[in-house]
Amino acid sequence: MTEQSASATVEVATVAEDVLEIGQITAWEPGARFAYRSSVDDTETEIRFAPSKGGTRVTVEQTLVSNGDKAFYFWPNVIPWYAAHANPVVAGR
């Protein structure tokens, strides 16, 4: 199945035995913003991209939804891994 919107095409393949939904997309603005509501806990995550000198600034915000009681805050563990593998921005270049 293919769904189209003004900014994105999402293709969904259904294989009943191999489906693992970890979240539902709530915002999709290619190159600017991506957000999703987790299906495994009570959080929403928004990832923003902004031009920065020499690259792109990536901002991740994960929040507990109103009246939520379960949150797996894994982003603090993931971000250092990304940073270690990103090209460093050298001041003055």
N, C-alpha and C. Protein backbone atom coordinates (compact mmCIF):
# COMPACT_ATOMS: atom_id res chain seq x y z
N MET A 1 0.86 -1.17 0.00
CA MET A 1 0.00 0.00 0.00
C MET A 1 0.90 1.22 0.00
N THR A 2 0.54 2.24 -0.77
CA THR A 2 1.29 3.49 -0.81
C THR A 2 0.36 4.63 -0.47
N GLU A 3 0.76 5.47 0.50
CA GLU A 3 0.00 6.64 0.86
C GLU A 3 0.83 7.86 0.49
N GLN A 4 0.19 8.87 -0.11
CA GLN A 4 0.92 10.07 -0.49
C GLN A 4 0.33 11.28 0.21
N SER A 5 1.22 12.19 0.61
CA SER A 5 0.80 13.47 1.15
C SER A 5 1.57 14.53 0.39
N ALA A 6 1.40 15.76 0.77
CA ALA A 6 2.07 16.85 0.07
C ALA A 6 3.58 16.75 0.17
N SER A 7 4.10 16.10 1.20
CA SER A 7 5.55 16.12 1.40
C SER A 7 6.22 14.76 1.42
N ALA A 8 5.46 13.67 1.43
CA ALA A 8 6.13 12.37 1.58
C ALA A 8 5.31 11.25 0.98
N THR A 9 6.01 10.20 0.62
CA THR A 9 5.37 8.96 0.21
C THR A 9 5.78 7.90 1.22
N VAL A 10 4.82 7.21 1.76
CA VAL A 10 5.09 6.17 2.75
C VAL A 10 4.61 4.85 2.17
N GLU A 11 5.51 3.88 2.09
CA GLU A 11 5.13 2.57 1.60
C GLU A 11 5.05 1.62 2.80
N VAL A 12 3.96 0.88 2.87
CA VAL A 12 3.74 -0.03 3.99
C VAL A 12 3.59 -1.44 3.43
N ALA A 13 4.46 -2.34 3.89
CA ALA A 13 4.37 -3.74 3.50
C ALA A 13 3.86 -4.52 4.70
N THR A 14 2.87 -5.35 4.50
CA THR A 14 2.29 -6.09 5.61
C THR A 14 2.63 -7.57 5.48
N VAL A 15 3.41 -8.05 6.43
CA VAL A 15 3.72 -9.47 6.57
C VAL A 15 3.38 -9.77 8.03
N ALA A 16 2.25 -10.38 8.25
CA ALA A 16 1.69 -10.53 9.60
C ALA A 16 2.68 -11.03 10.64
N GLU A 17 3.56 -11.92 10.29
CA GLU A 17 4.47 -12.50 11.27
C GLU A 17 5.68 -11.62 11.55
N ASP A 18 5.96 -10.64 10.69
CA ASP A 18 7.17 -9.84 10.83
C ASP A 18 6.92 -8.38 11.16
N VAL A 19 5.74 -8.02 11.63
CA VAL A 19 5.42 -6.63 11.90
C VAL A 19 5.80 -6.27 13.33
N LEU A 20 6.54 -5.17 13.46
CA LEU A 20 6.87 -4.61 14.76
C LEU A 20 6.69 -3.11 14.65
N GLU A 21 5.61 -2.60 15.17
CA GLU A 21 5.37 -1.17 15.14
C GLU A 21 5.98 -0.56 16.38
N ILE A 22 6.86 0.40 16.19
CA ILE A 22 7.48 1.06 17.35
C ILE A 22 6.96 2.48 17.52
N GLY A 23 6.20 2.97 16.55
CA GLY A 23 5.65 4.30 16.68
C GLY A 23 4.83 4.69 15.47
N GLN A 24 4.08 5.78 15.63
CA GLN A 24 3.27 6.31 14.54
C GLN A 24 3.73 7.72 14.25
N ILE A 25 4.00 7.99 12.97
CA ILE A 25 4.49 9.29 12.56
C ILE A 25 3.39 10.33 12.78
N THR A 26 3.76 11.43 13.44
CA THR A 26 2.81 12.51 13.69
C THR A 26 3.16 13.78 12.93
N ALA A 27 4.41 13.89 12.47
CA ALA A 27 4.82 15.05 11.65
C ALA A 27 5.93 14.61 10.72
N TRP A 28 5.85 15.09 9.47
CA TRP A 28 6.86 14.74 8.47
C TRP A 28 7.09 15.96 7.60
N GLU A 29 8.21 16.64 7.83
CA GLU A 29 8.61 17.78 7.03
C GLU A 29 10.05 17.51 6.59
N PRO A 30 10.24 16.86 5.44
CA PRO A 30 11.58 16.45 5.01
C PRO A 30 12.60 17.59 5.08
N GLY A 31 13.72 17.29 5.71
CA GLY A 31 14.79 18.27 5.86
C GLY A 31 14.61 19.23 7.01
N ALA A 32 13.44 19.19 7.68
CA ALA A 32 13.18 20.14 8.76
C ALA A 32 12.74 19.47 10.06
N ARG A 33 11.80 18.54 9.97
CA ARG A 33 11.22 17.99 11.22
C ARG A 33 10.61 16.63 10.96
N PHE A 34 10.76 15.77 11.97
CA PHE A 34 10.17 14.42 11.98
C PHE A 34 9.71 14.18 13.40
N ALA A 35 8.48 13.71 13.58
CA ALA A 35 7.98 13.44 14.93
C ALA A 35 7.18 12.15 14.92
N TYR A 36 7.20 11.47 16.06
CA TYR A 36 6.41 10.25 16.17
C TYR A 36 5.94 10.03 17.61
N ARG A 37 4.83 9.31 17.73
CA ARG A 37 4.26 8.90 19.02
C ARG A 37 4.63 7.44 19.19
N SER A 38 5.33 7.11 20.26
CA SER A 38 5.79 5.75 20.50
C SER A 38 4.62 4.80 20.73
N SER A 39 4.79 3.59 20.23
CA SER A 39 3.80 2.53 20.48
C SER A 39 4.23 1.62 21.62
N VAL A 40 5.43 1.82 22.15
CA VAL A 40 5.94 0.94 23.21
C VAL A 40 6.00 1.62 24.57
N ASP A 41 5.81 2.93 24.61
CA ASP A 41 5.74 3.64 25.88
C ASP A 41 4.85 4.87 25.69
N ASP A 42 4.84 5.76 26.65
CA ASP A 42 3.96 6.93 26.62
C ASP A 42 4.73 8.20 26.27
N THR A 43 5.54 8.14 25.22
CA THR A 43 6.32 9.31 24.84
C THR A 43 6.06 9.74 23.40
N GLU A 44 6.38 10.99 23.16
CA GLU A 44 6.41 11.56 21.82
C GLU A 44 7.83 12.06 21.59
N THR A 45 8.33 11.90 20.39
CA THR A 45 9.68 12.34 20.05
C THR A 45 9.61 13.23 18.83
N GLU A 46 10.31 14.36 18.92
CA GLU A 46 10.41 15.28 17.78
C GLU A 46 11.89 15.46 17.46
N ILE A 47 12.24 15.31 16.20
CA ILE A 47 13.61 15.48 15.74
C ILE A 47 13.59 16.61 14.72
N ARG A 48 14.39 17.67 15.01
CA ARG A 48 14.44 18.83 14.12
C ARG A 48 15.83 18.95 13.50
N PHE A 49 15.87 19.41 12.25
CA PHE A 49 17.11 19.59 11.51
C PHE A 49 17.20 21.06 11.09
N ALA A 50 18.35 21.69 11.35
CA ALA A 50 18.54 23.09 10.98
C ALA A 50 19.94 23.28 10.42
N PRO A 51 20.06 24.14 9.40
CA PRO A 51 21.38 24.41 8.86
C PRO A 51 22.29 24.99 9.94
N SER A 52 23.53 24.60 9.88
CA SER A 52 24.52 25.07 10.84
C SER A 52 25.82 25.26 10.08
N LYS A 53 26.69 26.11 10.58
CA LYS A 53 27.97 26.33 9.90
C LYS A 53 28.69 24.99 9.76
N GLY A 54 28.90 24.56 8.54
CA GLY A 54 29.62 23.32 8.29
C GLY A 54 28.79 22.06 8.37
N GLY A 55 27.48 22.18 8.52
CA GLY A 55 26.70 20.95 8.60
C GLY A 55 25.25 21.18 8.97
N THR A 56 24.73 20.29 9.78
CA THR A 56 23.33 20.32 10.19
C THR A 56 23.25 20.12 11.70
N ARG A 57 22.47 20.97 12.36
CA ARG A 57 22.20 20.79 13.79
C ARG A 57 20.99 19.89 13.91
N VAL A 58 21.11 18.84 14.70
CA VAL A 58 20.01 17.90 14.93
C VAL A 58 19.59 18.04 16.39
N THR A 59 18.31 18.33 16.61
CA THR A 59 17.78 18.48 17.96
C THR A 59 16.73 17.39 18.18
N VAL A 60 16.88 16.65 19.27
CA VAL A 60 15.95 15.57 19.61
C VAL A 60 15.29 15.91 20.94
N GLU A 61 13.95 15.87 20.95
CA GLU A 61 13.21 16.11 22.17
C GLU A 61 12.22 14.96 22.36
N GLN A 62 12.37 14.22 23.45
CA GLN A 62 11.47 13.12 23.78
C GLN A 62 10.75 13.50 25.06
N THR A 63 9.42 13.48 25.04
CA THR A 63 8.64 13.90 26.20
C THR A 63 7.58 12.86 26.57
N LEU A 64 7.26 12.84 27.83
CA LEU A 64 6.18 11.98 28.34
C LEU A 64 4.86 12.67 28.00
N VAL A 65 3.92 11.92 27.42
CA VAL A 65 2.63 12.51 27.07
C VAL A 65 1.82 12.78 28.33
N SER A 66 0.84 13.66 28.20
CA SER A 66 -0.03 13.99 29.32
C SER A 66 -0.68 12.72 29.87
N ASN A 67 -0.64 12.54 31.16
CA ASN A 67 -1.19 11.37 31.86
C ASN A 67 -0.44 10.08 31.56
N GLY A 68 0.73 10.18 30.94
CA GLY A 68 1.53 9.00 30.67
C GLY A 68 2.25 8.54 31.92
N ASP A 69 2.59 7.25 31.98
CA ASP A 69 3.30 6.75 33.15
C ASP A 69 4.49 5.86 32.80
N LYS A 70 4.73 5.63 31.50
CA LYS A 70 5.82 4.75 31.11
C LYS A 70 6.67 5.43 30.05
N ALA A 71 7.97 5.57 30.32
CA ALA A 71 8.86 6.21 29.35
C ALA A 71 10.19 5.48 29.32
N PHE A 72 10.63 5.13 28.14
CA PHE A 72 11.95 4.54 27.94
C PHE A 72 12.79 5.61 27.25
N TYR A 73 13.51 6.39 28.05
CA TYR A 73 14.31 7.48 27.51
C TYR A 73 15.63 6.94 26.97
N PHE A 74 15.59 6.41 25.75
CA PHE A 74 16.78 5.81 25.16
C PHE A 74 17.64 6.81 24.40
N TRP A 75 17.12 7.98 24.03
CA TRP A 75 17.89 8.92 23.24
C TRP A 75 19.20 9.35 23.90
N PRO A 76 19.27 9.54 25.21
CA PRO A 76 20.57 9.89 25.81
C PRO A 76 21.64 8.82 25.55
N ASN A 77 21.25 7.59 25.30
CA ASN A 77 22.21 6.52 24.98
C ASN A 77 22.56 6.50 23.50
N VAL A 78 21.63 6.93 22.64
CA VAL A 78 21.83 6.87 21.20
C VAL A 78 22.63 8.06 20.68
N ILE A 79 22.34 9.24 21.18
CA ILE A 79 22.98 10.46 20.65
C ILE A 79 24.50 10.43 20.75
N PRO A 80 25.12 10.01 21.85
CA PRO A 80 26.59 9.96 21.87
C PRO A 80 27.16 9.04 20.79
N TRP A 81 26.46 7.97 20.45
CA TRP A 81 26.93 7.09 19.39
C TRP A 81 26.94 7.83 18.05
N TYR A 82 25.85 8.56 17.76
CA TYR A 82 25.81 9.35 16.53
C TYR A 82 26.93 10.39 16.51
N ALA A 83 27.09 11.08 17.63
CA ALA A 83 28.12 12.14 17.70
C ALA A 83 29.51 11.57 17.46
N ALA A 84 29.77 10.39 17.96
CA ALA A 84 31.09 9.78 17.79
C ALA A 84 31.36 9.42 16.34
N HIS A 85 30.33 9.22 15.55
CA HIS A 85 30.51 8.81 14.16
C HIS A 85 30.25 9.94 13.17
N ALA A 86 29.89 11.11 13.65
CA ALA A 86 29.64 12.25 12.76
C ALA A 86 30.95 12.94 12.43
N ASN A 87 30.97 13.64 11.32
CA ASN A 87 32.15 14.43 10.98
C ASN A 87 32.18 15.65 11.89
N PRO A 88 33.26 15.84 12.64
CA PRO A 88 33.32 16.99 13.55
C PRO A 88 33.43 18.30 12.76
N VAL A 89 32.81 19.34 13.29
CA VAL A 89 32.91 20.67 12.71
C VAL A 89 34.13 21.35 13.33
N VAL A 90 35.05 21.78 12.50
CA VAL A 90 36.26 22.41 13.00
C VAL A 90 36.06 23.92 13.00
N ALA A 91 36.25 24.55 14.15
CA ALA A 91 36.07 26.00 14.27
C ALA A 91 37.00 26.72 13.31
N GLY A 92 36.49 27.76 12.67
CA GLY A 92 37.30 28.55 11.77
C GLY A 92 37.32 28.06 10.33
N ARG A 93 36.70 26.97 10.03
CA ARG A 93 36.66 26.45 8.65
C ARG A 93 35.46 26.94 7.92
